[in-house]
C-alpha atoms as a PDB file:
ATOM      1  CA  MET A   1      19.741  14.513  -8.985  1.00  0.00           C
ATOM      2  CA  PRO A   2      17.263  17.024 -10.413  1.00  0.00           C
ATOM      3  CA  ILE A   3      13.965  17.441  -8.553  1.00  0.00           C
ATOM      4  CA  THR A   4      10.755  18.881 -10.014  1.00  0.00           C
ATOM      5  CA  ALA A   5       7.255  19.482  -8.626  1.00  0.00           C
ATOM      6  CA  ASP A   6       6.266  16.034  -9.937  1.00  0.00           C
ATOM      7  CA  THR A   7       9.183  14.132  -8.417  1.00  0.00           C
ATOM      8  CA  VAL A   8       9.742  15.821  -5.028  1.00  0.00           C
ATOM      9  CA  GLN A   9       9.151  13.574  -1.986  1.00  0.00           C
ATOM     10  CA  VAL A  10       9.035  13.994   1.765  1.00  0.00           C
ATOM     11  CA  GLY A  11      12.558  13.450   3.110  1.00  0.00           C
ATOM     12  CA  ASP A  12      14.368  14.858   0.065  1.00  0.00           C
ATOM     13  CA  ALA A  13      17.355  17.092   0.842  1.00  0.00           C
ATOM     14  CA  ILE A  14      17.070  20.110  -1.473  1.00  0.00           C
ATOM     15  CA  SER A  15      19.843  22.651  -1.933  1.00  0.00           C
ATOM     16  CA  VAL A  16      18.424  26.209  -1.906  1.00  0.00           C
ATOM     17  CA  GLY A  17      20.713  29.230  -1.834  1.00  0.00           C
ATOM     18  CA  GLY A  18      23.682  27.186  -0.634  1.00  0.00           C
ATOM     19  CA  ARG A  19      21.665  25.652   2.237  1.00  0.00           C
ATOM     20  CA  THR A  20      20.446  22.084   2.417  1.00  0.00           C
ATOM     21  CA  LEU A  21      16.820  21.858   3.516  1.00  0.00           C
ATOM     22  CA  ILE A  22      14.870  18.661   4.255  1.00  0.00           C
ATOM     23  CA  VAL A  23      11.313  18.360   2.885  1.00  0.00           C
ATOM     24  CA  ALA A  24       8.838  17.812   5.735  1.00  0.00           C
ATOM     25  CA  ASP A  25       5.492  18.156   3.929  1.00  0.00           C
ATOM     26  CA  LEU A  26       4.021  18.689   0.474  1.00  0.00           C
ATOM     27  CA  CYS A  27       0.785  20.331  -0.636  1.00  0.00           C
ATOM     28  CA  GLU A  28      -0.522  20.251  -4.205  1.00  0.00           C
ATOM     29  CA  LEU A  29      -1.547  23.687  -5.475  1.00  0.00           C
ATOM     30  CA  PRO A  30      -4.930  24.084  -7.197  1.00  0.00           C
ATOM     31  CA  GLY A  31      -5.154  23.943 -10.957  1.00  0.00           C
ATOM     32  CA  GLY A  32      -1.889  22.055 -11.423  1.00  0.00           C
ATOM     33  CA  ALA A  33       0.128  25.136 -10.440  1.00  0.00           C
ATOM     34  CA  GLY A  34       2.807  23.007  -8.749  1.00  0.00           C
ATOM     35  CA  LYS A  35       3.445  22.124  -5.109  1.00  0.00           C
ATOM     36  CA  MET A  36       4.025  23.999  -1.877  1.00  0.00           C
ATOM     37  CA  VAL A  37       6.988  22.441  -0.069  1.00  0.00           C
ATOM     38  CA  ARG A  38       7.399  22.887   3.703  1.00  0.00           C
ATOM     39  CA  PHE A  39      10.847  22.194   5.111  1.00  0.00           C
ATOM     40  CA  ARG A  40      11.705  20.926   8.606  1.00  0.00           C
ATOM     41  CA  SER A  41      13.013  24.408   9.445  1.00  0.00           C
ATOM     42  CA  GLY A  42       9.504  25.808   8.844  1.00  0.00           C
ATOM     43  CA  GLU A  43      10.401  27.588   5.614  1.00  0.00           C
ATOM     44  CA  ARG A  44       8.184  27.155   2.557  1.00  0.00           C
ATOM     45  CA  LEU A  45       8.919  27.067  -1.151  1.00  0.00           C
ATOM     46  CA  THR A  46       6.585  26.945  -4.148  1.00  0.00           C
ATOM     47  CA  LEU A  47       7.692  24.593  -6.899  1.00  0.00           C
ATOM     48  CA  HIS A  48       6.081  25.489 -10.211  1.00  0.00           C
ATOM     49  CA  PRO A  49       5.664  22.718 -12.816  1.00  0.00           C
ATOM     50  CA  ARG A  50       8.835  23.791 -14.681  1.00  0.00           C
ATOM     51  CA  THR A  51      11.002  24.475 -11.602  1.00  0.00           C
ATOM     52  CA  GLU A  52      14.045  22.199 -11.354  1.00  0.00           C
ATOM     53  CA  LEU A  53      16.287  22.051  -8.269  1.00  0.00           C
ATOM     54  CA  SER A  54      19.257  19.955  -7.198  1.00  0.00           C
ATOM     55  CA  ALA A  55      18.501  17.438  -4.449  1.00  0.00           C
ATOM     56  CA  SER A  56      19.585  14.157  -2.948  1.00  0.00           C
ATOM     57  CA  ARG A  57      17.468  11.228  -1.889  1.00  0.00           C
ATOM     58  CA  ILE A  58      18.944   8.921   0.721  1.00  0.00           C
ATOM     59  CA  GLY A  59      16.182   6.341   0.934  1.00  0.00           C
ATOM     60  CA  PRO A  60      12.420   5.874   0.831  1.00  0.00           C
ATOM     61  CA  PRO A  61      10.296   8.705   2.245  1.00  0.00           C
ATOM     62  CA  PRO A  62       9.629   8.436   5.989  1.00  0.00           C
ATOM     63  CA  VAL A  63       6.232   7.351   7.275  1.00  0.00           C
ATOM     64  CA  ARG A  64       4.198  10.450   8.035  1.00  0.00           C
ATOM     65  CA  ALA A  65       3.618  11.121  11.702  1.00  0.00           C
ATOM     66  CA  TYR A  66       0.099  12.466  11.170  1.00  0.00           C
ATOM     67  CA  ARG A  67      -1.628   9.786   9.173  1.00  0.00           C
ATOM     68  CA  TRP A  68      -5.377   9.426   9.199  1.00  0.00           C
ATOM     69  CA  ARG A  69      -6.291   6.175  10.889  1.00  0.00           C
ATOM     70  CA  ARG A  70      -9.642   4.498  10.839  1.00  0.00           C
ATOM     71  CA  THR A  71     -10.906   3.479  14.226  1.00  0.00           C
ATOM     72  CA  ASP A  72     -13.841   1.121  14.603  1.00  0.00           C
ATOM     73  CA  ARG A  73     -15.355   1.850  17.984  1.00  0.00           C
END
């Protein structure tokens, strides 16, 4: 399935240069310039608004390990 900066999700398996990389984190770039994608391997890729890549999505995105939690103490 085609993936763009608007549709990419954590957990997507994106094919880049013949390698399959799993999306670990996403960061929106200022001014609507796209998204910075960080893969589990530590590599990063900038997806511009018109960039389209081939990817597969197995299921819903995983729950993030580093979620902000409110603590009432």
